[in-house]
Protein backbone atom coordinates (compact mmCIF):
# COMPACT_ATOMS: atom_id res chain seq x y z
CA MET A 1 197.56 105.34 57.54
CA VAL A 2 195.86 106.02 60.88
CA ALA A 3 193.34 103.23 60.20
CA LYS A 4 196.17 100.76 59.52
CA VAL A 5 197.95 101.75 62.73
CA LEU A 6 194.74 101.39 64.72
CA ARG A 7 194.05 97.96 63.18
CA GLY A 8 197.60 96.94 64.04
CA LEU A 9 197.16 98.17 67.59
CA THR A 10 193.86 96.31 67.86
CA PHE A 11 195.59 93.16 66.59
CA VAL A 12 198.42 93.53 69.10
CA LEU A 13 195.97 94.12 71.93
CA SER A 14 193.86 91.13 70.84
CA VAL A 15 196.91 88.87 70.74
CA SER A 16 198.02 90.21 74.10
CA PHE A 17 194.61 89.52 75.71
CA TRP A 18 194.43 86.11 74.00
CA SER A 19 197.88 85.08 75.26
CA THR A 20 197.04 86.33 78.77
CA GLY A 21 193.86 84.25 78.67
CA VAL A 22 195.76 81.16 77.56
CA LEU A 23 198.41 81.65 80.23
CA GLY A 24 195.69 82.15 82.83
CA ALA A 25 193.99 78.95 81.71
CA LEU A 26 197.28 77.07 81.91
CA GLU A 27 197.79 78.38 85.44
CA ASP A 28 194.27 77.18 86.32
CA ILE A 29 195.07 73.73 84.91
CA ASN A 30 198.29 73.55 86.94
CA GLU A 31 196.37 74.55 90.07
CA ILE A 32 193.75 71.86 89.42
CA GLN A 33 196.44 69.23 88.85
CA SER A 34 198.19 70.14 92.11
CA ARG A 35 195.14 69.61 94.35
CA ASP A 36 195.73 67.40 97.33
CA VAL A 37 193.41 64.44 96.95
CA PRO A 38 193.48 62.42 100.18
CA THR A 39 195.21 59.07 100.08
CA PRO A 40 192.89 56.05 100.31
CA GLY A 41 192.64 54.97 103.93
CA GLN A 42 193.60 58.43 105.24
CA PRO A 43 190.76 59.83 107.41
CA VAL A 44 189.63 63.37 106.59
CA SER A 45 187.90 65.42 109.29
CA GLY A 46 186.54 68.94 109.65
CA GLY A 47 183.87 68.60 106.99
CA PHE A 48 180.10 68.65 106.89
CA ALA A 49 177.55 66.51 105.07
CA THR A 50 174.57 68.09 103.36
CA TYR A 51 172.16 66.48 100.90
CA PHE A 52 170.85 67.02 97.39
CA SER A 53 168.26 65.70 94.97
CA GLN A 54 169.27 64.47 91.52
CA ASN A 55 166.11 65.88 89.91
CA GLY A 56 166.63 63.50 86.98
CA LEU A 57 169.85 65.25 85.96
CA ALA A 58 173.25 63.73 85.38
CA GLY A 59 176.01 64.66 87.81
CA ALA A 60 179.52 65.72 86.81
CA CYS A 61 180.41 62.06 86.28
CA GLY A 62 177.74 61.82 83.56
CA GLN A 63 175.18 59.48 85.12
CA VAL A 64 171.65 59.97 86.42
CA HIS A 65 170.91 58.28 89.76
CA ALA A 66 167.80 57.83 91.88
CA ASP A 67 167.66 59.92 95.06
CA SER A 68 167.83 56.64 97.00
CA ALA A 69 171.20 55.73 95.42
CA LEU A 70 174.18 55.88 97.77
CA ILE A 71 176.14 58.57 95.95
CA ALA A 72 177.91 61.79 96.85
CA ALA A 73 179.28 65.01 95.40
CA MET A 74 182.86 65.90 96.32
CA ASP A 75 183.82 69.52 96.93
CA ILE A 76 185.11 71.25 93.78
CA ALA A 77 188.45 71.90 95.51
CA ILE A 78 189.12 68.15 95.40
CA PHE A 79 186.82 66.77 92.68
CA SER A 80 188.25 65.46 89.43
CA ASN A 81 186.82 62.96 86.97
CA SER A 82 189.34 60.42 88.25
CA LEU A 83 187.27 60.28 91.46
CA CYS A 84 184.09 59.22 89.63
CA GLY A 85 182.93 55.92 91.11
CA GLN A 86 185.48 56.09 93.96
CA LEU A 87 184.02 54.65 97.16
CA VAL A 88 184.05 56.81 100.28
CA ARG A 89 183.05 55.81 103.81
CA ILE A 90 181.38 58.75 105.57
CA THR A 91 180.83 58.85 109.34
CA ASN A 92 178.52 61.25 111.15
CA THR A 93 180.72 62.31 114.07
CA GLN A 94 177.68 63.12 116.23
CA ASN A 95 176.16 59.62 116.23
CA GLN A 96 178.92 57.47 114.65
CA LYS A 97 176.55 56.18 111.92
CA ASN A 98 178.33 55.58 108.63
CA VAL A 99 177.54 54.92 104.99
CA THR A 100 179.63 53.98 101.97
CA VAL A 101 178.93 56.02 98.84
CA ALA A 102 180.29 56.34 95.31
CA ILE A 103 181.43 59.75 94.05
CA ALA A 104 179.11 60.80 91.23
CA ASP A 105 179.21 64.59 91.16
CA GLU A 106 181.03 67.75 92.22
CA CYS A 107 179.79 70.12 94.92
CA SER A 108 180.13 73.86 94.34
CA THR A 109 178.22 74.76 97.50
CA CYS A 110 180.08 72.63 100.06
CA GLN A 111 181.33 74.52 103.11
CA ASN A 112 184.96 73.48 102.64
CA ALA A 113 187.16 70.94 100.85
CA GLU A 114 186.46 68.39 103.59
CA SER A 115 182.68 68.60 103.09
CA ILE A 116 180.59 66.25 100.95
CA ASP A 117 177.07 66.59 99.56
CA LEU A 118 175.13 63.32 99.86
CA SER A 119 172.15 61.92 98.00
CA LEU A 120 168.96 61.79 100.04
CA GLY A 121 169.39 58.04 100.57
CA ALA A 122 172.97 58.39 101.78
CA PHE A 123 172.19 61.28 104.12
CA GLU A 124 169.23 59.40 105.62
CA ALA A 125 171.61 56.52 106.43
CA ILE A 126 173.58 58.76 108.81
CA ALA A 127 171.13 61.48 109.94
CA ASP A 128 167.57 62.79 109.78
CA LEU A 129 166.89 65.07 106.83
CA GLU A 130 165.60 67.73 109.23
CA GLN A 131 169.16 68.19 110.50
CA GLY A 132 170.23 69.47 107.10
CA THR A 133 173.94 69.54 107.91
CA VAL A 134 175.99 67.21 110.11
CA PRO A 135 179.70 67.10 110.95
CA ILE A 136 181.51 64.22 109.28
CA MET A 137 184.80 62.49 108.79
CA TRP A 138 185.42 60.43 105.68
CA THR A 139 187.87 58.06 104.10
CA LEU A 140 188.50 57.13 100.48
CA LEU A 141 188.35 53.36 100.22
């Protein structure tokens, strides 16, 4: 009898943890769906550009690109697959140089939601690699 009660308790606890996990996942989905993606043409400031190497790996959008390709990784707070291929004009606010890139990946290490990680080729179009990080503003096209 005790074994049956314990199994029943284990089942109830398992169902309880499972339902909590599902509810938590649904809350995460709702949070992701409610992200504020900037409107095309609306300038976004307060971010920083950094750079990355593809290393022969596909980005979150599923494609492998050369390091010279003009691509970028959008901060995870904003990124969604619907942004894959979206063109973005990025301006270095220190020197006013700009480059147009296509979103190809997500950035989990960006400083904030307004920051974008650029391919080597894209970063070199607006700054010297030695700078590492530059302040930017950007606009979805």
